[in-house]
Amino acid sequence: MSDEETLAVYAQAAEDYADRFSKVEDADVDQFSDLTAFFDLLPDAGLVLDLGCGPGQWAAKIRDAGYRVVGMDASPEMAALAKKRFDLDVKVGTFDQLQVEAAYDGIWANFSLLHAPKSEMPEHLDRIYRALKPGGAFHIGTKLGDGEQRDHLGRFYSYYEAGELTGLLQDAGFTVVRKRTGSAVGLAGSDDTFVILTAHG
């Protein structure tokens, strides 16, 4: 994510966002089932990249489950909060700066790639596939819908139908093993539907 308007929103709202969404103990059962499905594809003590980790709540949960975790986020403010709240060292960087090959056992991209333009998604998924070790695990969450638009806070979003996103993952070489849909209220206050996919290389 390198959209300046989106980054500005997260910079201004970082503390509020973290206060509202970084309490993993308040996460519902379905959210924890996403973690379980992801863990099922990882080796013991595997290395995981939380791509677009925000204030670090899920990276911390992955670490606390016994995995090695690295955080990456385009927002310096979110990276600082991840350090402050969870003692996580987060690299500040955008999706296109993921340039490693066969480095990670798993990549967790929980509602982060939806801030990238749809035209860039195939390249991002190819980059993620290359960054994973053979058979590596991948988790992605996006909002359901079509097209692209900004919310009333100014954040840029790309929307995907479940079949569309599944097809993009398959085109990149992934095998999707789990799909979950649901709805949740986010920072903007709207109740949005979403899709979660778990896959492996």
N, C-alpha and C. Protein backbone atom coordinates (compact mmCIF):
# COMPACT_ATOMS: atom_id res chain seq x y z
N MET A 1 0.84 -1.20 0.00
CA MET A 1 0.00 0.00 0.00
C MET A 1 0.87 1.24 0.00
N SER A 2 0.68 2.12 -0.96
CA SER A 2 1.43 3.36 -0.98
C SER A 2 0.54 4.56 -1.29
N ASP A 3 -0.78 4.37 -1.18
CA ASP A 3 -1.72 5.46 -1.41
C ASP A 3 -1.60 6.48 -0.28
N GLU A 4 -1.20 7.69 -0.63
CA GLU A 4 -0.88 8.68 0.39
C GLU A 4 -2.09 9.06 1.23
N GLU A 5 -3.26 9.15 0.61
CA GLU A 5 -4.47 9.52 1.37
C GLU A 5 -4.84 8.44 2.37
N THR A 6 -4.71 7.19 1.96
CA THR A 6 -4.99 6.07 2.87
C THR A 6 -4.00 6.07 4.03
N LEU A 7 -2.72 6.25 3.72
CA LEU A 7 -1.71 6.28 4.77
C LEU A 7 -1.94 7.43 5.74
N ALA A 8 -2.40 8.56 5.23
CA ALA A 8 -2.66 9.71 6.09
C ALA A 8 -3.79 9.42 7.07
N VAL A 9 -4.80 8.70 6.61
CA VAL A 9 -5.90 8.33 7.51
C VAL A 9 -5.39 7.44 8.63
N TYR A 10 -4.58 6.44 8.29
CA TYR A 10 -4.06 5.54 9.32
C TYR A 10 -3.08 6.25 10.25
N ALA A 11 -2.34 7.22 9.74
CA ALA A 11 -1.43 7.98 10.59
C ALA A 11 -2.20 8.76 11.65
N GLN A 12 -3.29 9.37 11.22
CA GLN A 12 -4.09 10.18 12.14
C GLN A 12 -4.87 9.32 13.13
N ALA A 13 -5.32 8.15 12.66
CA ALA A 13 -6.21 7.31 13.47
C ALA A 13 -5.50 6.12 14.10
N ALA A 14 -4.18 6.10 14.08
CA ALA A 14 -3.44 4.90 14.51
C ALA A 14 -3.78 4.48 15.93
N GLU A 15 -3.76 5.42 16.87
CA GLU A 15 -4.04 5.07 18.26
C GLU A 15 -5.47 4.57 18.43
N ASP A 16 -6.43 5.26 17.79
CA ASP A 16 -7.83 4.85 17.88
C ASP A 16 -8.03 3.48 17.25
N TYR A 17 -7.40 3.26 16.11
CA TYR A 17 -7.50 1.97 15.43
C TYR A 17 -6.95 0.86 16.33
N ALA A 18 -5.80 1.11 16.92
CA ALA A 18 -5.20 0.10 17.79
C ALA A 18 -6.06 -0.17 19.01
N ASP A 19 -6.62 0.89 19.59
CA ASP A 19 -7.49 0.71 20.76
C ASP A 19 -8.70 -0.15 20.43
N ARG A 20 -9.23 0.01 19.23
CA ARG A 20 -10.46 -0.68 18.86
C ARG A 20 -10.23 -2.09 18.33
N PHE A 21 -9.07 -2.33 17.70
CA PHE A 21 -8.90 -3.60 16.99
C PHE A 21 -7.69 -4.43 17.42
N SER A 22 -6.94 -3.98 18.41
CA SER A 22 -5.75 -4.73 18.77
C SER A 22 -5.94 -5.63 19.98
N LYS A 23 -7.15 -5.74 20.49
CA LYS A 23 -7.41 -6.61 21.63
C LYS A 23 -7.79 -8.00 21.11
N VAL A 24 -6.79 -8.84 20.93
CA VAL A 24 -7.05 -10.15 20.33
C VAL A 24 -7.93 -11.01 21.21
N GLU A 25 -7.94 -10.75 22.53
CA GLU A 25 -8.78 -11.55 23.39
C GLU A 25 -10.27 -11.31 23.12
N ASP A 26 -10.58 -10.18 22.44
CA ASP A 26 -11.97 -9.88 22.13
C ASP A 26 -12.39 -10.43 20.77
N ALA A 27 -11.45 -11.01 20.02
CA ALA A 27 -11.76 -11.52 18.68
C ALA A 27 -12.73 -12.69 18.79
N ASP A 28 -13.62 -12.80 17.79
CA ASP A 28 -14.62 -13.86 17.87
C ASP A 28 -14.04 -15.21 17.46
N VAL A 29 -14.84 -16.24 17.69
CA VAL A 29 -14.40 -17.62 17.42
C VAL A 29 -14.02 -17.81 15.96
N ASP A 30 -14.79 -17.19 15.06
CA ASP A 30 -14.49 -17.35 13.64
C ASP A 30 -13.12 -16.80 13.29
N GLN A 31 -12.76 -15.66 13.88
CA GLN A 31 -11.44 -15.10 13.60
C GLN A 31 -10.33 -16.04 14.08
N PHE A 32 -10.51 -16.64 15.22
CA PHE A 32 -9.51 -17.58 15.69
C PHE A 32 -9.48 -18.84 14.83
N SER A 33 -10.60 -19.20 14.23
CA SER A 33 -10.60 -20.34 13.32
C SER A 33 -9.76 -20.05 12.08
N ASP A 34 -9.68 -18.78 11.69
CA ASP A 34 -8.81 -18.40 10.58
C ASP A 34 -7.35 -18.67 10.94
N LEU A 35 -6.98 -18.32 12.15
CA LEU A 35 -5.62 -18.60 12.61
C LEU A 35 -5.35 -20.10 12.64
N THR A 36 -6.30 -20.86 13.16
CA THR A 36 -6.12 -22.31 13.25
C THR A 36 -5.91 -22.93 11.88
N ALA A 37 -6.71 -22.49 10.90
CA ALA A 37 -6.58 -23.02 9.53
C ALA A 37 -5.21 -22.67 8.96
N PHE A 38 -4.72 -21.49 9.26
CA PHE A 38 -3.40 -21.05 8.81
C PHE A 38 -2.30 -21.87 9.50
N PHE A 39 -2.44 -22.05 10.82
CA PHE A 39 -1.44 -22.82 11.57
C PHE A 39 -1.35 -24.26 11.08
N ASP A 40 -2.48 -24.81 10.66
CA ASP A 40 -2.49 -26.20 10.19
C ASP A 40 -1.58 -26.42 8.99
N LEU A 41 -1.24 -25.34 8.28
CA LEU A 41 -0.39 -25.44 7.10
C LEU A 41 1.07 -25.09 7.37
N LEU A 42 1.39 -24.76 8.63
CA LEU A 42 2.74 -24.31 8.97
C LEU A 42 3.53 -25.41 9.67
N PRO A 43 4.84 -25.44 9.45
CA PRO A 43 5.69 -26.34 10.24
C PRO A 43 5.89 -25.77 11.63
N ASP A 44 6.28 -26.59 12.57
CA ASP A 44 6.57 -26.12 13.92
C ASP A 44 7.63 -25.03 13.87
N ALA A 45 7.37 -23.94 14.62
CA ALA A 45 8.32 -22.82 14.70
C ALA A 45 8.61 -22.19 13.34
N GLY A 46 7.67 -22.32 12.41
CA GLY A 46 7.85 -21.74 11.08
C GLY A 46 7.95 -20.22 11.12
N LEU A 47 8.52 -19.67 10.05
CA LEU A 47 8.69 -18.23 9.92
C LEU A 47 7.52 -17.63 9.13
N VAL A 48 6.84 -16.66 9.74
CA VAL A 48 5.64 -16.06 9.14
C VAL A 48 5.86 -14.56 8.95
N LEU A 49 5.43 -14.06 7.80
CA LEU A 49 5.38 -12.63 7.53
C LEU A 49 3.95 -12.16 7.67
N ASP A 50 3.72 -11.17 8.56
CA ASP A 50 2.43 -10.50 8.64
C ASP A 50 2.53 -9.28 7.74
N LEU A 51 1.95 -9.39 6.55
CA LEU A 51 2.08 -8.37 5.51
C LEU A 51 0.94 -7.35 5.64
N GLY A 52 1.30 -6.15 6.09
CA GLY A 52 0.29 -5.16 6.41
C GLY A 52 -0.24 -5.40 7.81
N CYS A 53 0.69 -5.47 8.76
CA CYS A 53 0.36 -5.95 10.11
C CYS A 53 -0.37 -4.95 10.97
N GLY A 54 -0.45 -3.67 10.54
CA GLY A 54 -1.12 -2.69 11.37
C GLY A 54 -0.46 -2.58 12.73
N PRO A 55 -1.26 -2.47 13.82
CA PRO A 55 -0.69 -2.34 15.16
C PRO A 55 -0.17 -3.65 15.74
N GLY A 56 -0.23 -4.74 14.98
CA GLY A 56 0.47 -5.95 15.36
C GLY A 56 -0.29 -7.00 16.14
N GLN A 57 -1.62 -6.86 16.24
CA GLN A 57 -2.35 -7.79 17.10
C GLN A 57 -2.28 -9.23 16.62
N TRP A 58 -2.34 -9.46 15.30
CA TRP A 58 -2.30 -10.83 14.80
C TRP A 58 -0.87 -11.36 14.74
N ALA A 59 0.08 -10.50 14.44
CA ALA A 59 1.47 -10.93 14.50
C ALA A 59 1.83 -11.41 15.90
N ALA A 60 1.34 -10.70 16.91
CA ALA A 60 1.60 -11.10 18.30
C ALA A 60 0.95 -12.44 18.61
N LYS A 61 -0.25 -12.64 18.11
CA LYS A 61 -0.94 -13.91 18.35
C LYS A 61 -0.20 -15.07 17.67
N ILE A 62 0.30 -14.83 16.46
CA ILE A 62 1.07 -15.85 15.76
C ILE A 62 2.36 -16.16 16.52
N ARG A 63 3.03 -15.12 16.97
CA ARG A 63 4.26 -15.31 17.77
C ARG A 63 3.97 -16.09 19.05
N ASP A 64 2.89 -15.73 19.73
CA ASP A 64 2.57 -16.37 21.00
C ASP A 64 2.16 -17.83 20.82
N ALA A 65 1.80 -18.21 19.60
CA ALA A 65 1.47 -19.61 19.32
C ALA A 65 2.71 -20.45 19.04
N GLY A 66 3.89 -19.82 19.06
CA GLY A 66 5.13 -20.57 18.92
C GLY A 66 5.83 -20.42 17.58
N TYR A 67 5.33 -19.51 16.74
CA TYR A 67 5.95 -19.30 15.44
C TYR A 67 6.85 -18.08 15.47
N ARG A 68 7.80 -18.05 14.58
CA ARG A 68 8.63 -16.86 14.39
C ARG A 68 7.88 -15.92 13.45
N VAL A 69 7.83 -14.65 13.78
CA VAL A 69 7.02 -13.74 12.98
C VAL A 69 7.77 -12.45 12.69
N VAL A 70 7.57 -11.96 11.48
CA VAL A 70 8.11 -10.69 11.03
C VAL A 70 6.94 -9.83 10.58
N GLY A 71 6.92 -8.57 10.99
CA GLY A 71 5.87 -7.66 10.58
C GLY A 71 6.34 -6.70 9.52
N MET A 72 5.41 -6.31 8.64
CA MET A 72 5.71 -5.31 7.61
C MET A 72 4.45 -4.48 7.39
N ASP A 73 4.61 -3.15 7.38
CA ASP A 73 3.47 -2.26 7.16
C ASP A 73 3.96 -0.97 6.52
N ALA A 74 3.11 -0.37 5.71
CA ALA A 74 3.49 0.86 5.03
C ALA A 74 3.39 2.08 5.93
N SER A 75 2.73 1.94 7.07
CA SER A 75 2.51 3.07 7.97
C SER A 75 3.54 3.09 9.09
N PRO A 76 4.39 4.11 9.16
CA PRO A 76 5.35 4.21 10.27
C PRO A 76 4.65 4.28 11.62
N GLU A 77 3.47 4.90 11.65
CA GLU A 77 2.74 5.04 12.90
C GLU A 77 2.26 3.68 13.40
N MET A 78 1.78 2.85 12.49
CA MET A 78 1.35 1.50 12.88
C MET A 78 2.55 0.66 13.33
N ALA A 79 3.66 0.79 12.64
CA ALA A 79 4.86 0.05 13.03
C ALA A 79 5.30 0.43 14.44
N ALA A 80 5.21 1.72 14.77
CA ALA A 80 5.59 2.18 16.10
C ALA A 80 4.64 1.61 17.16
N LEU A 81 3.36 1.55 16.83
CA LEU A 81 2.40 0.99 17.78
C LEU A 81 2.63 -0.50 18.00
N ALA A 82 3.00 -1.22 16.96
CA ALA A 82 3.28 -2.65 17.10
C ALA A 82 4.46 -2.86 18.04
N LYS A 83 5.43 -1.98 17.98
CA LYS A 83 6.58 -2.06 18.89
C LYS A 83 6.14 -1.72 20.31
N LYS A 84 5.36 -0.67 20.45
CA LYS A 84 4.94 -0.19 21.76
C LYS A 84 4.02 -1.18 22.47
N ARG A 85 3.08 -1.75 21.74
CA ARG A 85 2.05 -2.57 22.37
C ARG A 85 2.41 -4.05 22.46
N PHE A 86 3.19 -4.52 21.48
CA PHE A 86 3.47 -5.96 21.43
C PHE A 86 4.96 -6.29 21.33
N ASP A 87 5.81 -5.28 21.42
CA ASP A 87 7.26 -5.48 21.32
C ASP A 87 7.63 -6.20 20.03
N LEU A 88 7.00 -5.77 18.94
CA LEU A 88 7.27 -6.32 17.61
C LEU A 88 8.12 -5.34 16.81
N ASP A 89 9.14 -5.85 16.16
CA ASP A 89 9.93 -5.04 15.24
C ASP A 89 9.32 -5.17 13.85
N VAL A 90 8.81 -4.07 13.34
CA VAL A 90 8.09 -4.07 12.06
C VAL A 90 8.87 -3.27 11.03
N LYS A 91 9.07 -3.87 9.88
CA LYS A 91 9.71 -3.17 8.77
C LYS A 91 8.68 -2.27 8.10
N VAL A 92 9.02 -1.02 7.89
CA VAL A 92 8.14 -0.10 7.18
C VAL A 92 8.40 -0.26 5.69
N GLY A 93 7.38 -0.72 4.97
CA GLY A 93 7.54 -0.95 3.54
C GLY A 93 6.23 -1.25 2.86
N THR A 94 6.20 -1.09 1.55
CA THR A 94 5.00 -1.31 0.75
C THR A 94 5.02 -2.71 0.15
N PHE A 95 3.87 -3.13 -0.38
CA PHE A 95 3.75 -4.48 -0.92
C PHE A 95 4.79 -4.77 -1.99
N ASP A 96 5.08 -3.78 -2.82
CA ASP A 96 6.02 -4.03 -3.92
C ASP A 96 7.47 -4.12 -3.44
N GLN A 97 7.70 -3.85 -2.17
CA GLN A 97 9.04 -3.99 -1.63
C GLN A 97 9.30 -5.38 -1.07
N LEU A 98 8.34 -6.27 -1.20
CA LEU A 98 8.54 -7.67 -0.83
C LEU A 98 9.28 -8.34 -1.99
N GLN A 99 10.57 -8.50 -1.85
CA GLN A 99 11.39 -8.94 -2.97
C GLN A 99 12.21 -10.19 -2.66
N VAL A 100 11.86 -10.92 -1.61
CA VAL A 100 12.62 -12.13 -1.25
C VAL A 100 12.04 -13.35 -1.95
N GLU A 101 12.81 -14.42 -1.98
CA GLU A 101 12.34 -15.67 -2.58
C GLU A 101 12.51 -16.82 -1.60
N ALA A 102 11.46 -17.64 -1.49
CA ALA A 102 11.46 -18.85 -0.65
C ALA A 102 11.96 -18.57 0.76
N ALA A 103 11.47 -17.47 1.35
CA ALA A 103 11.95 -17.05 2.66
C ALA A 103 11.00 -17.42 3.81
N TYR A 104 9.70 -17.51 3.53
CA TYR A 104 8.72 -17.65 4.60
C TYR A 104 7.94 -18.96 4.49
N ASP A 105 7.60 -19.50 5.65
CA ASP A 105 6.72 -20.67 5.70
C ASP A 105 5.26 -20.27 5.55
N GLY A 106 4.95 -19.04 5.87
CA GLY A 106 3.59 -18.55 5.74
C GLY A 106 3.55 -17.04 5.63
N ILE A 107 2.55 -16.53 4.93
CA ILE A 107 2.32 -15.08 4.84
C ILE A 107 0.87 -14.81 5.20
N TRP A 108 0.68 -13.92 6.14
CA TRP A 108 -0.64 -13.55 6.66
C TRP A 108 -0.93 -12.13 6.17
N ALA A 109 -1.94 -11.96 5.32
CA ALA A 109 -2.30 -10.65 4.77
C ALA A 109 -3.77 -10.39 5.09
N ASN A 110 -4.01 -9.97 6.32
CA ASN A 110 -5.36 -9.85 6.84
C ASN A 110 -5.91 -8.44 6.59
N PHE A 111 -6.71 -8.27 5.55
CA PHE A 111 -7.33 -6.99 5.22
C PHE A 111 -6.28 -5.89 5.02
N SER A 112 -5.25 -6.24 4.26
CA SER A 112 -4.23 -5.26 3.90
C SER A 112 -4.15 -5.07 2.39
N LEU A 113 -4.15 -6.17 1.65
CA LEU A 113 -4.03 -6.08 0.19
C LEU A 113 -5.24 -5.42 -0.47
N LEU A 114 -6.34 -5.28 0.25
CA LEU A 114 -7.51 -4.60 -0.31
C LEU A 114 -7.28 -3.11 -0.51
N HIS A 115 -6.17 -2.59 0.02
CA HIS A 115 -5.84 -1.18 -0.21
C HIS A 115 -5.02 -0.98 -1.49
N ALA A 116 -4.69 -2.07 -2.18
CA ALA A 116 -3.94 -1.97 -3.43
C ALA A 116 -4.92 -1.93 -4.61
N PRO A 117 -4.60 -1.20 -5.68
CA PRO A 117 -5.45 -1.22 -6.87
C PRO A 117 -5.61 -2.64 -7.42
N LYS A 118 -6.77 -2.93 -7.97
CA LYS A 118 -7.03 -4.27 -8.49
C LYS A 118 -6.06 -4.63 -9.60
N SER A 119 -5.64 -3.64 -10.37
CA SER A 119 -4.70 -3.91 -11.47
C SER A 119 -3.35 -4.42 -10.96
N GLU A 120 -3.03 -4.14 -9.70
CA GLU A 120 -1.75 -4.56 -9.13
C GLU A 120 -1.82 -5.89 -8.39
N MET A 121 -3.03 -6.39 -8.14
CA MET A 121 -3.16 -7.60 -7.32
C MET A 121 -2.43 -8.81 -7.92
N PRO A 122 -2.52 -9.09 -9.23
CA PRO A 122 -1.77 -10.24 -9.74
C PRO A 122 -0.28 -10.16 -9.46
N GLU A 123 0.31 -8.97 -9.58
CA GLU A 123 1.74 -8.82 -9.31
C GLU A 123 2.03 -9.05 -7.83
N HIS A 124 1.17 -8.54 -6.96
CA HIS A 124 1.39 -8.73 -5.53
C HIS A 124 1.30 -10.22 -5.17
N LEU A 125 0.33 -10.91 -5.73
CA LEU A 125 0.18 -12.33 -5.42
C LEU A 125 1.35 -13.15 -5.97
N ASP A 126 1.84 -12.79 -7.14
CA ASP A 126 3.03 -13.45 -7.68
C ASP A 126 4.22 -13.25 -6.75
N ARG A 127 4.35 -12.02 -6.24
CA ARG A 127 5.46 -11.69 -5.35
C ARG A 127 5.35 -12.49 -4.04
N ILE A 128 4.13 -12.61 -3.54
CA ILE A 128 3.90 -13.38 -2.31
C ILE A 128 4.22 -14.85 -2.55
N TYR A 129 3.78 -15.37 -3.68
CA TYR A 129 4.04 -16.78 -4.00
C TYR A 129 5.55 -17.06 -4.03
N ARG A 130 6.29 -16.15 -4.63
CA ARG A 130 7.75 -16.32 -4.71
C ARG A 130 8.40 -16.20 -3.33
N ALA A 131 7.83 -15.37 -2.46
CA ALA A 131 8.41 -15.16 -1.14
C ALA A 131 8.19 -16.35 -0.21
N LEU A 132 7.23 -17.21 -0.56
CA LEU A 132 6.94 -18.39 0.25
C LEU A 132 7.83 -19.56 -0.13
N LYS A 133 8.16 -20.38 0.86
CA LYS A 133 8.81 -21.64 0.57
C LYS A 133 7.80 -22.55 -0.15
N PRO A 134 8.25 -23.55 -0.89
CA PRO A 134 7.33 -24.46 -1.57
C PRO A 134 6.28 -25.02 -0.60
N GLY A 135 5.02 -24.90 -0.98
CA GLY A 135 3.93 -25.38 -0.13
C GLY A 135 3.56 -24.44 0.99
N GLY A 136 4.15 -23.26 1.02
CA GLY A 136 3.91 -22.31 2.10
C GLY A 136 2.47 -21.87 2.21
N ALA A 137 2.08 -21.44 3.41
CA ALA A 137 0.69 -21.07 3.72
C ALA A 137 0.44 -19.60 3.42
N PHE A 138 -0.78 -19.30 2.98
CA PHE A 138 -1.16 -17.92 2.69
C PHE A 138 -2.58 -17.67 3.19
N HIS A 139 -2.74 -16.57 3.91
CA HIS A 139 -4.05 -16.11 4.40
C HIS A 139 -4.31 -14.73 3.83
N ILE A 140 -5.50 -14.52 3.28
CA ILE A 140 -5.87 -13.21 2.76
C ILE A 140 -7.31 -12.91 3.12
N GLY A 141 -7.55 -11.67 3.52
CA GLY A 141 -8.90 -11.20 3.78
C GLY A 141 -9.17 -9.93 3.00
N THR A 142 -10.34 -9.85 2.34
CA THR A 142 -10.74 -8.64 1.63
C THR A 142 -12.23 -8.41 1.85
N LYS A 143 -12.67 -7.19 1.54
CA LYS A 143 -14.09 -6.90 1.58
C LYS A 143 -14.75 -7.42 0.31
N LEU A 144 -15.99 -7.87 0.45
CA LEU A 144 -16.75 -8.38 -0.69
C LEU A 144 -17.37 -7.23 -1.49
N GLY A 145 -17.42 -7.40 -2.80
CA GLY A 145 -18.03 -6.40 -3.67
C GLY A 145 -17.32 -6.35 -5.00
N ASP A 146 -17.47 -5.25 -5.71
CA ASP A 146 -16.77 -5.09 -6.98
C ASP A 146 -16.32 -3.65 -7.14
N GLY A 147 -15.32 -3.48 -7.99
CA GLY A 147 -14.82 -2.15 -8.27
C GLY A 147 -13.87 -1.63 -7.22
N GLU A 148 -13.63 -0.33 -7.29
CA GLU A 148 -12.73 0.37 -6.38
C GLU A 148 -13.37 1.67 -5.95
N GLN A 149 -13.16 2.06 -4.71
CA GLN A 149 -13.65 3.35 -4.25
C GLN A 149 -13.02 3.71 -2.91
N ARG A 150 -13.19 4.96 -2.51
CA ARG A 150 -12.74 5.39 -1.20
C ARG A 150 -13.91 5.40 -0.22
N ASP A 151 -13.61 5.09 1.04
CA ASP A 151 -14.66 5.20 2.04
C ASP A 151 -14.75 6.65 2.49
N HIS A 152 -15.67 6.94 3.42
CA HIS A 152 -15.89 8.34 3.79
C HIS A 152 -14.71 8.91 4.57
N LEU A 153 -13.79 8.05 5.03
CA LEU A 153 -12.59 8.53 5.69
C LEU A 153 -11.49 8.88 4.70
N GLY A 154 -11.67 8.44 3.44
CA GLY A 154 -10.67 8.72 2.41
C GLY A 154 -9.78 7.55 2.05
N ARG A 155 -10.00 6.39 2.69
CA ARG A 155 -9.16 5.22 2.40
C ARG A 155 -9.56 4.57 1.08
N PHE A 156 -8.57 4.19 0.30
CA PHE A 156 -8.80 3.50 -0.97
C PHE A 156 -9.05 2.01 -0.73
N TYR A 157 -10.08 1.46 -1.40
CA TYR A 157 -10.39 0.04 -1.28
C TYR A 157 -10.63 -0.58 -2.65
N SER A 158 -10.15 -1.81 -2.80
CA SER A 158 -10.54 -2.67 -3.92
C SER A 158 -11.43 -3.77 -3.35
N TYR A 159 -12.51 -4.04 -4.06
CA TYR A 159 -13.49 -5.04 -3.61
C TYR A 159 -13.46 -6.25 -4.53
N TYR A 160 -13.66 -7.43 -3.95
CA TYR A 160 -13.60 -8.67 -4.72
C TYR A 160 -14.77 -9.58 -4.37
N GLU A 161 -15.30 -10.26 -5.37
CA GLU A 161 -16.20 -11.37 -5.12
C GLU A 161 -15.34 -12.58 -4.76
N ALA A 162 -15.93 -13.51 -4.01
CA ALA A 162 -15.16 -14.66 -3.53
C ALA A 162 -14.56 -15.46 -4.69
N GLY A 163 -15.35 -15.70 -5.72
CA GLY A 163 -14.86 -16.47 -6.86
C GLY A 163 -13.76 -15.74 -7.61
N GLU A 164 -13.88 -14.43 -7.69
CA GLU A 164 -12.85 -13.62 -8.36
C GLU A 164 -11.52 -13.73 -7.62
N LEU A 165 -11.56 -13.61 -6.29
CA LEU A 165 -10.34 -13.69 -5.51
C LEU A 165 -9.74 -15.08 -5.56
N THR A 166 -10.60 -16.10 -5.50
CA THR A 166 -10.12 -17.48 -5.62
C THR A 166 -9.39 -17.68 -6.94
N GLY A 167 -9.96 -17.15 -8.01
CA GLY A 167 -9.34 -17.28 -9.32
C GLY A 167 -7.98 -16.60 -9.40
N LEU A 168 -7.87 -15.44 -8.77
CA LEU A 168 -6.59 -14.74 -8.76
C LEU A 168 -5.52 -15.55 -8.02
N LEU A 169 -5.91 -16.15 -6.90
CA LEU A 169 -4.96 -16.98 -6.16
C LEU A 169 -4.55 -18.20 -6.99
N GLN A 170 -5.50 -18.82 -7.63
CA GLN A 170 -5.19 -19.99 -8.45
C GLN A 170 -4.27 -19.62 -9.61
N ASP A 171 -4.52 -18.47 -10.22
CA ASP A 171 -3.65 -18.01 -11.31
C ASP A 171 -2.22 -17.79 -10.84
N ALA A 172 -2.06 -17.42 -9.57
CA ALA A 172 -0.72 -17.18 -9.02
C ALA A 172 -0.03 -18.47 -8.58
N GLY A 173 -0.76 -19.59 -8.62
CA GLY A 173 -0.17 -20.88 -8.26
C GLY A 173 -0.65 -21.47 -6.95
N PHE A 174 -1.57 -20.76 -6.26
CA PHE A 174 -2.04 -21.23 -4.97
C PHE A 174 -3.18 -22.24 -5.10
N THR A 175 -3.30 -23.10 -4.09
CA THR A 175 -4.44 -23.99 -3.94
C THR A 175 -5.23 -23.51 -2.73
N VAL A 176 -6.47 -23.09 -2.96
CA VAL A 176 -7.31 -22.59 -1.86
C VAL A 176 -7.92 -23.78 -1.13
N VAL A 177 -7.76 -23.81 0.20
CA VAL A 177 -8.24 -24.95 0.99
C VAL A 177 -9.38 -24.56 1.93
N ARG A 178 -9.63 -23.28 2.07
CA ARG A 178 -10.69 -22.85 2.99
C ARG A 178 -11.21 -21.48 2.59
N LYS A 179 -12.51 -21.29 2.71
CA LYS A 179 -13.14 -20.00 2.47
C LYS A 179 -14.11 -19.71 3.60
N ARG A 180 -14.08 -18.48 4.08
CA ARG A 180 -15.06 -18.05 5.07
C ARG A 180 -15.56 -16.67 4.71
N THR A 181 -16.85 -16.45 4.80
CA THR A 181 -17.42 -15.12 4.60
C THR A 181 -18.10 -14.67 5.89
N GLY A 182 -18.24 -13.38 6.03
CA GLY A 182 -18.89 -12.83 7.21
C GLY A 182 -19.06 -11.34 7.07
N SER A 183 -19.32 -10.66 8.17
CA SER A 183 -19.43 -9.21 8.17
C SER A 183 -18.90 -8.68 9.49
N ALA A 184 -18.42 -7.44 9.45
CA ALA A 184 -17.85 -6.82 10.64
C ALA A 184 -17.86 -5.31 10.47
N VAL A 185 -17.85 -4.61 11.60
CA VAL A 185 -17.81 -3.16 11.62
C VAL A 185 -16.35 -2.72 11.77
N GLY A 186 -15.90 -1.89 10.85
CA GLY A 186 -14.51 -1.44 10.88
C GLY A 186 -14.37 -0.01 11.35
N LEU A 187 -13.23 0.58 11.05
CA LEU A 187 -12.90 1.93 11.50
C LEU A 187 -13.91 2.96 11.00
N ALA A 188 -14.43 2.76 9.79
CA ALA A 188 -15.36 3.72 9.21
C ALA A 188 -16.76 3.63 9.79
N GLY A 189 -17.02 2.58 10.57
CA GLY A 189 -18.33 2.45 11.21
C GLY A 189 -19.36 1.69 10.42
N SER A 190 -19.05 1.30 9.19
CA SER A 190 -19.99 0.55 8.37
C SER A 190 -19.84 -0.95 8.60
N ASP A 191 -20.95 -1.67 8.46
CA ASP A 191 -20.93 -3.12 8.62
C ASP A 191 -20.71 -3.72 7.24
N ASP A 192 -19.48 -4.18 6.97
CA ASP A 192 -19.09 -4.63 5.64
C ASP A 192 -18.94 -6.14 5.59
N THR A 193 -19.36 -6.73 4.47
CA THR A 193 -19.16 -8.16 4.28
C THR A 193 -17.74 -8.40 3.77
N PHE A 194 -17.22 -9.58 4.07
CA PHE A 194 -15.84 -9.89 3.72
C PHE A 194 -15.69 -11.35 3.37
N VAL A 195 -14.54 -11.67 2.76
CA VAL A 195 -14.18 -13.06 2.48
C VAL A 195 -12.76 -13.30 2.97
N ILE A 196 -12.55 -14.46 3.60
CA ILE A 196 -11.24 -14.92 4.05
C ILE A 196 -10.89 -16.18 3.27
N LEU A 197 -9.72 -16.23 2.69
CA LEU A 197 -9.26 -17.42 2.00
C LEU A 197 -7.95 -17.91 2.64
N THR A 198 -7.86 -19.21 2.84
CA THR A 198 -6.63 -19.85 3.28
C THR A 198 -6.13 -20.74 2.14
N ALA A 199 -4.85 -20.64 1.81
CA ALA A 199 -4.32 -21.37 0.66
C ALA A 199 -2.89 -21.80 0.95
N HIS A 200 -2.38 -22.65 0.06
CA HIS A 200 -0.96 -23.00 0.13
C HIS A 200 -0.38 -23.00 -1.27
N GLY A 201 0.94 -22.89 -1.33
CA GLY A 201 1.62 -22.88 -2.61
C GLY A 201 1.74 -24.25 -3.22
